[in-house]
Protein backbone atom coordinates (compact mmCIF):
# COMPACT_ATOMS: atom_id res chain seq x y z
CA MET A 1 4.17 10.72 12.77
CA LYS A 2 6.14 11.70 9.68
CA ILE A 3 4.84 9.84 6.63
CA GLY A 4 6.09 9.99 3.05
CA ILE A 5 3.85 9.01 0.15
CA ILE A 6 5.40 8.24 -3.22
CA GLY A 7 2.62 8.30 -5.78
CA ALA A 8 -0.37 10.63 -5.82
CA GLY A 9 -2.93 8.62 -7.75
CA ASN A 10 -6.26 7.51 -6.35
CA ILE A 11 -4.90 5.50 -3.41
CA GLY A 12 -2.13 8.01 -2.72
CA GLY A 13 -4.64 10.85 -2.67
CA ALA A 14 -7.02 8.95 -0.41
CA LEU A 15 -4.23 8.14 2.05
CA THR A 16 -3.00 11.74 1.99
CA ARG A 17 -6.46 12.95 2.94
CA GLY A 18 -6.97 10.32 5.61
CA LEU A 19 -3.55 10.55 7.22
CA THR A 20 -3.44 14.35 7.35
CA ARG A 21 -6.91 14.31 8.88
CA LEU A 22 -5.47 12.14 11.64
CA GLY A 23 -2.79 14.76 12.28
CA HIS A 24 0.20 13.06 10.65
CA GLU A 25 2.88 15.13 8.90
CA VAL A 26 2.66 13.97 5.29
CA ARG A 27 5.05 14.59 2.41
CA ILE A 28 3.58 13.67 -0.97
CA ALA A 29 5.39 13.18 -4.29
CA ASN A 30 4.71 11.99 -7.81
CA SER A 31 6.65 11.57 -11.03
CA ARG A 32 5.51 14.92 -12.47
CA GLY A 33 6.87 17.25 -9.81
CA PRO A 34 5.54 18.96 -6.68
CA GLU A 35 3.96 21.83 -8.60
CA THR A 36 1.37 19.39 -9.95
CA LEU A 37 0.31 18.56 -6.38
CA ALA A 38 -0.48 22.12 -5.32
CA ASP A 39 -4.23 21.51 -5.09
CA LEU A 40 -3.87 18.35 -2.98
CA ALA A 41 -1.36 20.07 -0.72
CA ALA A 42 -3.64 23.05 -0.25
CA GLU A 43 -6.61 20.81 0.46
CA THR A 44 -4.87 18.60 3.01
CA GLY A 45 -1.95 20.50 4.45
CA ALA A 46 0.47 17.90 3.13
CA THR A 47 3.82 19.09 1.78
CA ALA A 48 4.44 18.45 -1.91
CA VAL A 49 8.06 17.52 -2.58
CA PRO A 50 10.20 15.90 -5.30
CA ALA A 51 10.08 12.11 -5.17
CA THR A 52 13.68 11.98 -3.95
CA GLU A 53 12.64 13.91 -0.83
CA ALA A 54 9.41 12.12 0.06
CA ALA A 55 11.02 9.65 2.48
CA GLU A 56 13.11 12.25 4.29
CA GLY A 57 12.75 11.66 8.04
CA ALA A 58 9.70 9.45 7.53
CA GLU A 59 8.78 6.67 9.97
CA VAL A 60 6.45 5.24 7.32
CA VAL A 61 6.87 5.46 3.55
CA VAL A 62 3.96 4.51 1.31
CA VAL A 63 4.85 3.42 -2.22
CA THR A 64 1.73 3.58 -4.36
CA ILE A 65 2.75 3.55 -8.01
CA PRO A 66 2.21 1.12 -10.91
CA GLN A 67 4.17 -2.11 -10.59
CA LYS A 68 5.98 -1.47 -13.86
CA SER A 69 7.30 1.84 -12.50
CA ILE A 70 9.09 0.40 -9.44
CA PRO A 71 12.42 -0.14 -11.29
CA ASP A 72 12.28 3.47 -12.50
CA LEU A 73 12.38 4.95 -8.99
CA PRO A 74 15.64 6.79 -8.28
CA ALA A 75 18.32 4.69 -6.58
CA GLY A 76 18.39 5.29 -2.84
CA ILE A 77 14.93 6.81 -2.78
CA LEU A 78 14.39 5.46 0.76
CA ASP A 79 17.81 6.49 2.10
CA GLY A 80 16.54 9.55 3.94
CA ALA A 81 13.89 7.67 5.92
CA ALA A 82 14.14 7.32 9.69
CA PRO A 83 16.03 4.26 10.97
CA GLY A 84 13.78 1.20 10.86
CA ALA A 85 11.16 2.97 8.75
CA VAL A 86 8.27 0.84 7.58
CA VAL A 87 7.55 0.75 3.84
CA ILE A 88 3.96 0.09 2.72
CA ASP A 89 3.43 -1.27 -0.78
CA THR A 90 -0.12 -0.72 -2.05
CA GLY A 91 0.59 -2.03 -5.53
CA ASN A 92 -0.84 -4.78 -7.71
CA TYR A 93 0.52 -6.54 -10.77
CA TYR A 94 -1.76 -6.03 -13.79
CA PRO A 95 0.18 -7.67 -16.65
CA GLN A 96 -2.53 -7.54 -19.32
CA GLN A 97 -4.13 -4.32 -18.19
CA ARG A 98 -1.12 -2.06 -17.48
CA ASP A 99 2.24 -3.46 -16.43
CA GLY A 100 3.32 -5.89 -19.12
CA ARG A 101 5.14 -9.07 -18.24
CA ILE A 102 7.40 -9.19 -15.18
CA ASP A 103 9.22 -12.51 -15.38
CA ALA A 104 10.03 -12.90 -11.68
CA ILE A 105 6.39 -12.45 -10.71
CA GLU A 106 5.24 -14.82 -13.43
CA ALA A 107 7.72 -17.36 -12.03
CA GLY A 108 6.15 -17.17 -8.57
CA THR A 109 7.74 -14.28 -6.68
CA THR A 110 4.96 -12.42 -4.90
CA GLU A 111 4.30 -8.90 -6.08
CA SER A 112 5.39 -7.22 -2.86
CA ARG A 113 8.46 -9.44 -2.40
CA TRP A 114 9.53 -8.24 -5.83
CA VAL A 115 8.99 -4.63 -4.71
CA ALA A 116 10.86 -5.20 -1.44
CA ASP A 117 13.81 -6.69 -3.32
CA HIS A 118 13.95 -3.76 -5.74
CA LEU A 119 13.77 -1.16 -2.98
CA GLY A 120 15.97 -2.97 -0.47
CA ALA A 121 13.18 -2.66 2.09
CA PRO A 122 13.21 -5.49 4.67
CA ASN A 123 10.39 -3.85 6.66
CA LEU A 124 7.98 -3.78 3.73
CA VAL A 125 4.30 -4.50 4.37
CA LYS A 126 1.65 -5.06 1.70
CA ALA A 127 -1.54 -3.15 2.50
CA PHE A 128 -4.30 -1.01 0.96
CA ASN A 129 -4.06 -2.88 -2.35
CA GLY A 130 -7.54 -4.40 -2.52
CA ILE A 131 -9.92 -1.58 -1.61
CA ALA A 132 -11.40 1.02 -3.94
CA ALA A 133 -9.84 4.43 -3.35
CA LEU A 134 -13.16 6.16 -2.68
CA HIS A 135 -14.05 3.46 -0.15
CA LEU A 136 -10.70 3.95 1.54
CA GLN A 137 -11.32 7.69 1.62
CA ASP A 138 -14.97 7.71 2.70
CA ASN A 139 -16.03 4.38 4.25
CA GLY A 140 -13.98 4.14 7.42
CA THR A 141 -15.99 3.69 10.62
CA PRO A 142 -15.23 3.68 14.36
CA LYS A 143 -13.77 0.57 15.95
CA GLY A 144 -16.51 -1.84 16.99
CA THR A 145 -18.94 -0.78 14.26
CA ALA A 146 -20.92 -3.76 12.95
CA ASP A 147 -19.60 -5.04 9.61
CA ARG A 148 -16.66 -2.64 9.71
CA ILE A 149 -14.60 -3.13 6.53
CA ALA A 150 -11.43 -5.16 7.08
CA LEU A 151 -8.15 -4.81 5.21
CA PRO A 152 -5.45 -7.49 4.92
CA ILE A 153 -1.79 -6.85 5.66
CA ALA A 154 1.16 -9.10 4.88
CA GLY A 155 4.78 -8.77 5.93
CA ASP A 156 7.70 -10.45 7.65
CA ASP A 157 8.40 -8.07 10.53
CA PRO A 158 5.82 -8.18 13.38
CA ALA A 159 6.60 -4.67 14.59
CA ALA A 160 6.24 -3.24 11.08
CA LYS A 161 2.93 -5.02 10.63
CA GLN A 162 1.68 -3.70 13.95
CA LYS A 163 2.52 -0.13 12.96
CA VAL A 164 0.57 -0.55 9.73
CA ALA A 165 -2.29 -2.27 11.57
CA ASP A 166 -2.53 0.72 13.91
CA LEU A 167 -2.75 3.10 10.95
CA ILE A 168 -5.45 0.98 9.33
CA ASP A 169 -7.46 0.97 12.55
CA ALA A 170 -7.07 4.74 12.95
CA LEU A 171 -8.29 5.23 9.36
CA GLY A 172 -11.47 3.34 10.22
CA PHE A 173 -10.86 -0.26 9.16
CA ASP A 174 -10.14 -3.57 10.86
CA PRO A 175 -6.64 -4.91 10.10
CA VAL A 176 -6.39 -8.64 9.35
CA ASP A 177 -3.04 -10.43 9.34
CA ALA A 178 -2.65 -12.20 5.99
CA GLY A 179 0.72 -13.80 6.74
CA THR A 180 4.25 -13.20 5.52
CA LEU A 181 5.29 -11.31 2.42
CA ASP A 182 5.68 -14.61 0.58
CA GLU A 183 2.05 -15.36 1.45
CA SER A 184 0.80 -12.03 0.18
CA TRP A 185 -0.62 -13.81 -2.87
CA ARG A 186 -3.66 -14.31 -0.63
CA GLN A 187 -4.63 -10.67 -1.24
CA GLN A 188 -3.53 -10.22 -4.86
CA PRO A 189 -5.92 -9.56 -7.79
CA GLY A 190 -8.21 -12.45 -8.61
CA THR A 191 -8.40 -13.84 -5.08
CA PRO A 192 -11.72 -14.11 -3.18
CA GLY A 193 -11.08 -11.14 -0.91
CA TYR A 194 -9.65 -8.75 -3.50
CA GLY A 195 -11.84 -5.71 -4.09
CA GLN A 196 -14.42 -6.83 -1.53
CA ASP A 197 -15.57 -4.71 1.41
CA PHE A 198 -15.70 -7.72 3.72
CA PRO A 199 -15.83 -7.54 7.50
CA ALA A 200 -13.02 -9.32 9.34
CA ASP A 201 -14.62 -12.77 9.60
CA ARG A 202 -15.47 -12.95 5.91
CA LEU A 203 -12.07 -11.57 4.90
CA LYS A 204 -10.28 -14.19 6.99
CA ALA A 205 -12.32 -16.91 5.25
CA ALA A 206 -11.54 -15.41 1.84
CA LEU A 207 -7.81 -15.35 2.60
CA GLU A 208 -7.97 -19.02 3.54
CA GLU A 209 -9.76 -19.85 0.29
CA ALA A 210 -7.21 -18.04 -1.88
CA SER A 211 -4.90 -19.90 -4.24
CA PRO A 212 -1.38 -18.86 -5.33
CA GLU A 213 -2.25 -19.91 -8.88
CA ARG A 214 -3.19 -16.82 -10.88
CA THR A 215 -6.35 -16.94 -12.95
CA ALA A 216 -6.04 -16.30 -16.69
CA GLU A 217 -7.13 -12.66 -16.38
CA TRP A 218 -4.18 -11.88 -14.12
CA LYS A 219 -1.40 -13.66 -16.01
CA ALA A 220 0.76 -12.16 -18.74
């Protein structure tokens, strides 16, 4: 599968390593230019490209950049993707720690709905946002392994969610459906399952216990 990754930080790097290991054709981009990704490209076999070319021909596009940087992405950055391409948003809103205040999110729009609206991406799925990058890179296990780490996914399109679920499974984790994009608050920072390496049963319980009300640490 052709996969574009926009953002080469910790999660972007972990996904580049994992997805190329699975045999996918990965194009990776960041804001500093492809020359800064030479080491990662050499290590993984991924192709480093300008951000405007990352989505070219891709069936899946991963957007893994700070929330505050979403509006700065070039207009039409997803235009070259394959028809019906799935967009994965791995981001989190950290108003005090990094992103500053985003009024729409403070007013109740979920983080990934806000991203989907900015990018014009109806097939957007929220995933990979609540696991440490090194755990994502190193802690995958075969299907059926006891206490296999589970990862939540949220989105509106069942086919898009299934494609992401299949990738999660192939990377060594159990996918857990966390609902629609407007329910993706269940996996945002400050919720019971965020940052926890829970198996599927415990993650499902944590998602049920979650509240849409942000705790003080995660409000602007």
